[in-house]
Amino acid sequence: MFITKNKSYHMKKLLLLLCCGFAASTAFAQRPTFGIKGGVNFAKTAFSIPDKTISTGFTTTFAAGLFADFKVGNNVSIQPALNYTGKGGKLSDFDSEGTTVDIKTYYLQVPVNVVYRVPVAIGNIYFGAGPYVGIGLSGKGKTTRNGNTESQDVKFGSDAPNKRTEYGLNGITGLEFKSGFLIGLNYDLGLTNTNNLEGTGVVAKNRVFGLSVGYKF
């Protein structure tokens, strides 16, 4: 199923408005706390081509970032973050020669999540969701064929194969200990087509599952 330019434009506007609305609401929140997170990502790319949908296997990347937590209720907070996060995908047995293509891309990503906490004896279990905006920074593609590996930079921009800006939805859950230590899971659902090659009929969307640890000050 393809997203028309008009629908894509309105989707981007909606996500940006959500981000701005959530960020603006922090002005009425209590004094924020801050934290850091880092971990491993398992990323893949979902492709749609005429009459067919396929998905790559997972490639392993990493993520690291900072977040702020603005309480707006007893158990509810608004949590914007700034993350450096890896995406991409891996294709094994790409052709009859058993070629493997492993692509890793890196984005500067800003999610804004609404987080709800459930108190437990050792701290809080938390759940959250919200929109994100990502800016493509760099990437590397590695092709392995007959034991030989070639590398090529992944480029972003209006004149490059990949769009620089990506929009999507983010979900998080985890355990927040009373000491401030965090363990968490997250999932990024890319909503926009990252393929910048007009006329190919290919729609590519990022999917990322992440495991993280962190500390809240």
Protein backbone atom coordinates (compact mmCIF):
# COMPACT_ATOMS: atom_id res chain seq x y z
CA MET A 1 0.00 0.00 0.00
CA PHE A 2 1.48 3.31 -1.06
CA ILE A 3 1.29 6.71 0.60
CA THR A 4 0.50 9.53 -1.79
CA LYS A 5 2.46 12.76 -1.57
CA ASN A 6 -0.62 14.57 -0.24
CA LYS A 7 -1.25 12.02 2.51
CA SER A 8 2.44 11.96 3.39
CA TYR A 9 2.47 15.76 3.69
CA HIS A 10 -0.52 15.80 6.06
CA MET A 11 0.98 12.95 8.11
CA LYS A 12 4.19 14.94 8.56
CA LYS A 13 2.21 18.01 9.62
CA LEU A 14 0.24 15.98 12.16
CA LEU A 15 3.35 14.44 13.70
CA LEU A 16 5.11 17.81 13.89
CA LEU A 17 2.05 19.36 15.56
CA LEU A 18 1.97 16.50 18.07
CA CYS A 19 5.67 17.01 18.85
CA CYS A 20 5.18 20.75 19.27
CA GLY A 21 2.07 20.27 21.40
CA PHE A 22 3.76 17.81 23.71
CA ALA A 23 6.83 20.02 24.01
CA ALA A 24 4.74 23.10 24.74
CA SER A 25 2.85 21.31 27.49
CA THR A 26 6.08 20.95 29.44
CA ALA A 27 5.93 24.66 30.17
CA PHE A 28 3.14 23.86 32.65
CA ALA A 29 4.88 20.86 34.16
CA GLN A 30 6.98 20.58 37.31
CA ARG A 31 10.74 20.93 37.35
CA PRO A 32 12.16 18.15 35.12
CA THR A 33 14.54 15.35 35.91
CA PHE A 34 17.12 14.18 33.37
CA GLY A 35 18.65 10.92 32.35
CA ILE A 36 20.84 9.02 29.92
CA LYS A 37 20.20 5.81 28.00
CA GLY A 38 22.16 3.52 25.72
CA GLY A 39 21.77 0.08 24.25
CA VAL A 40 21.53 -2.21 21.27
CA ASN A 41 19.14 -1.95 18.31
CA PHE A 42 17.83 -4.73 16.11
CA ALA A 43 16.77 -2.99 12.92
CA LYS A 44 15.11 -4.04 9.69
CA THR A 45 13.50 -2.37 6.69
CA ALA A 46 10.03 -3.16 5.34
CA PHE A 47 9.80 -2.80 1.55
CA SER A 48 6.68 -2.49 -0.57
CA ILE A 49 7.00 -2.97 -4.32
CA PRO A 50 4.16 -3.34 -6.80
CA ASP A 51 2.00 -6.32 -5.73
CA LYS A 52 4.48 -7.46 -3.08
CA THR A 53 5.68 -6.66 0.44
CA ILE A 54 9.00 -7.97 1.74
CA SER A 55 11.14 -7.34 4.79
CA THR A 56 14.87 -7.58 5.41
CA GLY A 57 16.40 -9.53 8.26
CA PHE A 58 17.69 -7.73 11.33
CA THR A 59 20.99 -5.91 11.49
CA THR A 60 22.52 -5.02 14.86
CA THR A 61 23.30 -1.38 15.63
CA PHE A 62 23.29 0.78 18.75
CA ALA A 63 21.61 3.80 20.31
CA ALA A 64 22.59 6.41 22.90
CA GLY A 65 20.91 9.55 24.10
CA LEU A 66 19.63 11.98 26.69
CA PHE A 67 16.10 12.55 27.95
CA ALA A 68 14.16 14.94 30.15
CA ASP A 69 11.14 13.94 32.23
CA PHE A 70 8.45 16.53 33.00
CA LYS A 71 5.84 15.36 35.50
CA VAL A 72 2.29 16.47 34.64
CA GLY A 73 0.49 14.26 37.17
CA ASN A 74 1.10 11.77 39.94
CA ASN A 75 2.02 8.98 37.54
CA VAL A 76 2.15 10.75 34.16
CA SER A 77 4.99 12.67 32.52
CA ILE A 78 6.05 14.08 29.17
CA GLN A 79 9.44 12.73 28.12
CA PRO A 80 11.28 14.32 25.17
CA ALA A 81 14.65 12.85 24.21
CA LEU A 82 17.58 13.38 21.87
CA ASN A 83 18.99 10.11 20.55
CA TYR A 84 21.70 8.95 18.19
CA THR A 85 20.18 5.73 16.88
CA GLY A 86 21.02 3.07 14.32
CA LYS A 87 18.64 1.59 11.75
CA GLY A 88 18.96 -0.39 8.52
CA GLY A 89 18.54 -4.03 7.53
CA LYS A 90 20.28 -7.16 6.26
CA LEU A 91 19.58 -9.24 3.16
CA SER A 92 21.06 -12.73 3.11
CA ASP A 93 21.32 -14.85 -0.06
CA PHE A 94 20.51 -11.77 -2.07
CA ASP A 95 21.27 -13.61 -5.34
CA SER A 96 22.29 -17.04 -6.66
CA GLU A 97 25.86 -16.40 -5.48
CA GLY A 98 24.77 -16.12 -1.84
CA THR A 99 25.48 -12.40 -1.63
CA THR A 100 24.78 -10.68 1.70
CA VAL A 101 23.93 -6.97 1.92
CA ASP A 102 24.13 -5.34 5.36
CA ILE A 103 23.05 -1.69 5.63
CA LYS A 104 23.42 0.38 8.80
CA THR A 105 22.11 3.94 8.92
CA TYR A 106 22.35 6.43 11.78
CA TYR A 107 19.87 9.13 12.70
CA LEU A 108 19.61 11.99 15.16
CA GLN A 109 16.14 11.31 16.52
CA VAL A 110 13.78 13.32 18.72
CA PRO A 111 10.91 11.33 20.26
CA VAL A 112 8.33 12.93 22.56
CA ASN A 113 6.57 10.30 24.66
CA VAL A 114 3.70 10.43 27.13
CA VAL A 115 4.82 8.11 29.95
CA TYR A 116 2.65 6.39 32.56
CA ARG A 117 4.16 4.77 35.67
CA VAL A 118 2.84 1.95 37.84
CA PRO A 119 4.49 1.91 41.30
CA VAL A 120 5.94 -1.42 42.47
CA ALA A 121 8.05 -2.38 45.47
CA ILE A 122 11.40 -1.74 43.77
CA GLY A 123 10.44 1.37 41.78
CA ASN A 124 8.12 1.90 38.81
CA ILE A 125 7.06 -0.03 35.74
CA TYR A 126 6.63 2.48 32.92
CA PHE A 127 4.84 2.55 29.58
CA GLY A 128 5.01 5.30 26.99
CA ALA A 129 4.29 6.25 23.40
CA GLY A 130 4.48 9.24 21.09
CA PRO A 131 5.77 10.60 17.78
CA TYR A 132 9.35 11.03 16.66
CA VAL A 133 11.27 12.97 14.03
CA GLY A 134 14.59 11.62 12.75
CA ILE A 135 17.33 13.25 10.67
CA GLY A 136 19.58 10.92 8.66
CA LEU A 137 23.26 11.60 9.36
CA SER A 138 25.36 8.79 7.94
CA GLY A 139 25.42 5.13 7.05
CA LYS A 140 27.39 2.30 5.57
CA GLY A 141 26.41 -0.53 3.27
CA LYS A 142 28.51 -3.72 3.12
CA THR A 143 28.16 -6.25 0.33
CA THR A 144 29.77 -9.66 0.80
CA ARG A 145 30.13 -11.89 -2.25
CA ASN A 146 32.34 -14.99 -2.59
CA GLY A 147 34.22 -14.07 0.57
CA ASN A 148 34.95 -10.52 -0.57
CA THR A 149 33.41 -7.51 1.17
CA GLU A 150 32.88 -4.08 -0.34
CA SER A 151 31.75 -1.02 1.60
CA GLN A 152 29.86 2.02 0.39
CA ASP A 153 28.64 5.12 2.20
CA VAL A 154 24.89 5.64 2.53
CA LYS A 155 23.95 9.18 1.57
CA PHE A 156 20.95 11.30 2.61
CA GLY A 157 19.44 14.38 0.98
CA SER A 158 17.36 15.66 -1.90
CA ASP A 159 19.92 14.46 -4.45
CA ALA A 160 20.68 11.17 -2.66
CA PRO A 161 18.93 7.78 -2.67
CA ASN A 162 17.65 8.26 0.89
CA LYS A 163 15.45 11.00 2.33
CA ARG A 164 17.07 12.85 5.18
CA THR A 165 13.94 13.32 7.32
CA GLU A 166 11.89 10.49 8.77
CA TYR A 167 8.71 10.55 10.87
CA GLY A 168 7.20 7.78 12.94
CA LEU A 169 5.80 6.50 16.21
CA ASN A 170 7.77 5.31 19.22
CA GLY A 171 6.77 3.01 22.07
CA ILE A 172 8.73 2.38 25.27
CA THR A 173 8.37 0.20 28.36
CA GLY A 174 10.64 -0.83 31.18
CA LEU A 175 11.54 -0.80 34.84
CA GLU A 176 12.72 2.27 36.74
CA PHE A 177 14.43 1.35 40.03
CA LYS A 178 14.34 3.60 43.09
CA SER A 179 18.10 4.06 42.71
CA GLY A 180 17.56 5.72 39.31
CA PHE A 181 18.81 2.76 37.28
CA LEU A 182 16.67 1.93 34.21
CA ILE A 183 16.19 -1.06 31.95
CA GLY A 184 13.92 -0.71 28.96
CA LEU A 185 12.54 -1.84 25.64
CA ASN A 186 11.55 0.37 22.73
CA TYR A 187 10.05 0.01 19.28
CA ASP A 188 10.21 2.52 16.42
CA LEU A 189 7.59 2.30 13.68
CA GLY A 190 8.65 4.38 10.69
CA LEU A 191 5.66 5.89 8.87
CA THR A 192 7.36 7.68 5.98
CA ASN A 193 8.98 6.29 2.87
CA THR A 194 12.75 6.71 3.22
CA ASN A 195 13.37 5.89 -0.45
CA ASN A 196 14.13 9.05 -2.42
CA LEU A 197 14.26 7.47 -5.89
CA GLU A 198 11.16 8.70 -7.68
CA GLY A 199 9.52 6.42 -10.20
CA THR A 200 10.91 3.16 -8.78
CA GLY A 201 7.66 2.19 -7.07
CA VAL A 202 9.62 1.13 -3.97
CA VAL A 203 8.46 2.20 -0.51
CA ALA A 204 10.94 1.59 2.35
CA LYS A 205 10.10 2.04 6.04
CA ASN A 206 12.27 1.56 9.11
CA ARG A 207 11.45 -0.85 11.92
CA VAL A 208 13.62 -0.91 15.06
CA PHE A 209 13.44 -2.96 18.26
CA GLY A 210 15.79 -1.81 21.02
CA LEU A 211 17.08 -2.89 24.43
CA SER A 212 18.55 -0.24 26.71
CA VAL A 213 19.94 0.56 30.13
CA GLY A 214 20.20 4.00 31.65
CA TYR A 215 20.21 6.20 34.68
CA LYS A 216 17.81 8.92 35.82
CA PHE A 217 19.39 11.69 37.89
